[in-house]
Amino acid sequence: MTEKVPTKKSKLSAAQIGLILKQAKNGVPVADLCRQYGMTPHLALRENVRRPFGNPTG
């Protein structure tokens, strides 16, 4: 028997994540973005895998 563990919803909207990725692509250090938006570098890396810096909208 396996129980499903609920996943946390992101505090950031898709639009905010797209903006963050766009800023990172334009040269803003990821560490600065993490501090500004209150996220971990792990989240930044995970979102970059979902939406690479070259394509912040999808």
N, C-alpha and C. Protein backbone atom coordinates (compact mmCIF):
# COMPACT_ATOMS: atom_id res chain seq x y z
N MET A 1 0.84 -1.18 0.00
CA MET A 1 0.00 0.00 0.00
C MET A 1 0.89 1.24 0.00
N THR A 2 0.67 2.09 -0.95
CA THR A 2 1.44 3.33 -1.01
C THR A 2 0.51 4.52 -0.84
N GLU A 3 0.94 5.44 -0.03
CA GLU A 3 0.17 6.66 0.18
C GLU A 3 0.74 7.77 -0.68
N LYS A 4 -0.14 8.55 -1.24
CA LYS A 4 0.32 9.70 -2.01
C LYS A 4 0.64 10.84 -1.05
N VAL A 5 1.82 11.39 -1.21
CA VAL A 5 2.23 12.52 -0.40
C VAL A 5 1.88 13.78 -1.18
N PRO A 6 1.08 14.67 -0.57
CA PRO A 6 0.71 15.89 -1.30
C PRO A 6 1.93 16.76 -1.56
N THR A 7 1.99 17.32 -2.76
CA THR A 7 3.10 18.20 -3.10
C THR A 7 2.71 19.65 -2.80
N LYS A 8 3.71 20.44 -2.46
CA LYS A 8 3.44 21.84 -2.17
C LYS A 8 3.25 22.61 -3.46
N LYS A 9 2.34 23.53 -3.44
CA LYS A 9 2.16 24.44 -4.56
C LYS A 9 3.23 25.52 -4.47
N SER A 10 3.68 25.98 -5.60
CA SER A 10 4.68 27.04 -5.63
C SER A 10 4.04 28.34 -5.17
N LYS A 11 4.81 29.11 -4.41
CA LYS A 11 4.34 30.43 -4.00
C LYS A 11 4.44 31.43 -5.14
N LEU A 12 5.16 31.03 -6.18
CA LEU A 12 5.36 31.91 -7.33
C LEU A 12 4.43 31.50 -8.46
N SER A 13 3.86 32.47 -9.13
CA SER A 13 3.00 32.19 -10.27
C SER A 13 3.87 31.84 -11.48
N ALA A 14 3.26 31.30 -12.49
CA ALA A 14 3.98 30.97 -13.72
C ALA A 14 4.58 32.23 -14.34
N ALA A 15 3.85 33.34 -14.25
CA ALA A 15 4.36 34.60 -14.80
C ALA A 15 5.60 35.07 -14.04
N GLN A 16 5.58 34.93 -12.70
CA GLN A 16 6.74 35.32 -11.91
C GLN A 16 7.94 34.45 -12.23
N ILE A 17 7.72 33.15 -12.37
CA ILE A 17 8.81 32.23 -12.69
C ILE A 17 9.40 32.59 -14.05
N GLY A 18 8.53 32.90 -15.01
CA GLY A 18 9.01 33.32 -16.33
C GLY A 18 9.85 34.58 -16.25
N LEU A 19 9.42 35.54 -15.42
CA LEU A 19 10.18 36.78 -15.24
C LEU A 19 11.54 36.49 -14.61
N ILE A 20 11.56 35.62 -13.61
CA ILE A 20 12.82 35.27 -12.94
C ILE A 20 13.77 34.62 -13.94
N LEU A 21 13.28 33.70 -14.74
CA LEU A 21 14.13 33.03 -15.72
C LEU A 21 14.64 34.02 -16.77
N LYS A 22 13.80 34.97 -17.14
CA LYS A 22 14.21 35.99 -18.11
C LYS A 22 15.33 36.86 -17.52
N GLN A 23 15.19 37.23 -16.23
CA GLN A 23 16.21 38.03 -15.58
C GLN A 23 17.52 37.24 -15.50
N ALA A 24 17.43 35.95 -15.20
CA ALA A 24 18.64 35.12 -15.13
C ALA A 24 19.31 35.04 -16.49
N LYS A 25 18.51 34.93 -17.54
CA LYS A 25 19.06 34.89 -18.89
C LYS A 25 19.78 36.19 -19.23
N ASN A 26 19.28 37.30 -18.69
CA ASN A 26 19.87 38.61 -18.96
C ASN A 26 21.08 38.91 -18.08
N GLY A 27 21.49 37.94 -17.26
CA GLY A 27 22.73 38.09 -16.51
C GLY A 27 22.62 38.37 -15.03
N VAL A 28 21.40 38.45 -14.49
CA VAL A 28 21.26 38.66 -13.05
C VAL A 28 21.66 37.36 -12.35
N PRO A 29 22.57 37.42 -11.37
CA PRO A 29 23.00 36.19 -10.69
C PRO A 29 21.82 35.46 -10.02
N VAL A 30 21.80 34.15 -10.17
CA VAL A 30 20.71 33.34 -9.62
C VAL A 30 20.63 33.52 -8.11
N ALA A 31 21.76 33.64 -7.43
CA ALA A 31 21.75 33.83 -5.98
C ALA A 31 21.00 35.10 -5.60
N ASP A 32 21.20 36.17 -6.38
CA ASP A 32 20.48 37.42 -6.12
C ASP A 32 18.98 37.25 -6.33
N LEU A 33 18.62 36.56 -7.39
CA LEU A 33 17.19 36.32 -7.66
C LEU A 33 16.56 35.48 -6.55
N CYS A 34 17.30 34.49 -6.08
CA CYS A 34 16.78 33.64 -5.00
C CYS A 34 16.50 34.47 -3.75
N ARG A 35 17.42 35.35 -3.41
CA ARG A 35 17.20 36.22 -2.25
C ARG A 35 16.02 37.16 -2.47
N GLN A 36 15.93 37.74 -3.65
CA GLN A 36 14.89 38.71 -3.95
C GLN A 36 13.49 38.08 -3.89
N TYR A 37 13.36 36.87 -4.42
CA TYR A 37 12.05 36.24 -4.51
C TYR A 37 11.80 35.22 -3.41
N GLY A 38 12.76 35.02 -2.51
CA GLY A 38 12.57 34.11 -1.38
C GLY A 38 12.48 32.66 -1.80
N MET A 39 13.30 32.27 -2.75
CA MET A 39 13.28 30.88 -3.19
C MET A 39 14.66 30.27 -3.00
N THR A 40 14.73 28.96 -3.09
CA THR A 40 16.00 28.27 -2.93
C THR A 40 16.65 28.07 -4.29
N PRO A 41 17.96 27.92 -4.30
CA PRO A 41 18.63 27.62 -5.57
C PRO A 41 18.12 26.32 -6.19
N HIS A 42 17.68 25.38 -5.35
CA HIS A 42 17.12 24.13 -5.85
C HIS A 42 15.88 24.41 -6.71
N LEU A 43 15.01 25.29 -6.24
CA LEU A 43 13.81 25.65 -7.01
C LEU A 43 14.20 26.31 -8.32
N ALA A 44 15.19 27.18 -8.27
CA ALA A 44 15.63 27.86 -9.49
C ALA A 44 16.13 26.84 -10.51
N LEU A 45 16.89 25.86 -10.05
CA LEU A 45 17.40 24.83 -10.94
C LEU A 45 16.25 23.99 -11.49
N ARG A 46 15.31 23.62 -10.64
CA ARG A 46 14.17 22.80 -11.07
C ARG A 46 13.36 23.53 -12.12
N GLU A 47 13.10 24.82 -11.92
CA GLU A 47 12.32 25.58 -12.89
C GLU A 47 13.10 25.77 -14.18
N ASN A 48 14.42 25.87 -14.10
CA ASN A 48 15.23 26.00 -15.31
C ASN A 48 15.14 24.73 -16.14
N VAL A 49 15.02 23.59 -15.49
CA VAL A 49 14.87 22.33 -16.21
C VAL A 49 13.51 22.31 -16.91
N ARG A 50 12.48 22.81 -16.25
CA ARG A 50 11.14 22.85 -16.85
C ARG A 50 11.05 23.85 -17.98
N ARG A 51 11.62 25.03 -17.77
CA ARG A 51 11.58 26.11 -18.75
C ARG A 51 12.97 26.68 -18.88
N PRO A 52 13.76 26.16 -19.80
CA PRO A 52 15.15 26.63 -19.93
C PRO A 52 15.25 28.13 -20.12
N PHE A 53 16.40 28.68 -19.68
CA PHE A 53 16.62 30.14 -19.75
C PHE A 53 16.36 30.68 -21.14
N GLY A 54 16.58 29.90 -22.16
CA GLY A 54 16.38 30.37 -23.52
C GLY A 54 14.92 30.48 -23.91
N ASN A 55 14.01 29.90 -23.13
CA ASN A 55 12.59 29.90 -23.46
C ASN A 55 11.77 30.10 -22.20
N PRO A 56 11.72 31.34 -21.66
CA PRO A 56 11.07 31.57 -20.37
C PRO A 56 9.56 31.41 -20.37
N THR A 57 8.92 31.32 -21.51
CA THR A 57 7.46 31.21 -21.51
C THR A 57 6.97 29.77 -21.60
N GLY A 58 7.79 28.84 -21.89
CA GLY A 58 7.24 27.51 -22.01
C GLY A 58 8.23 26.48 -22.14
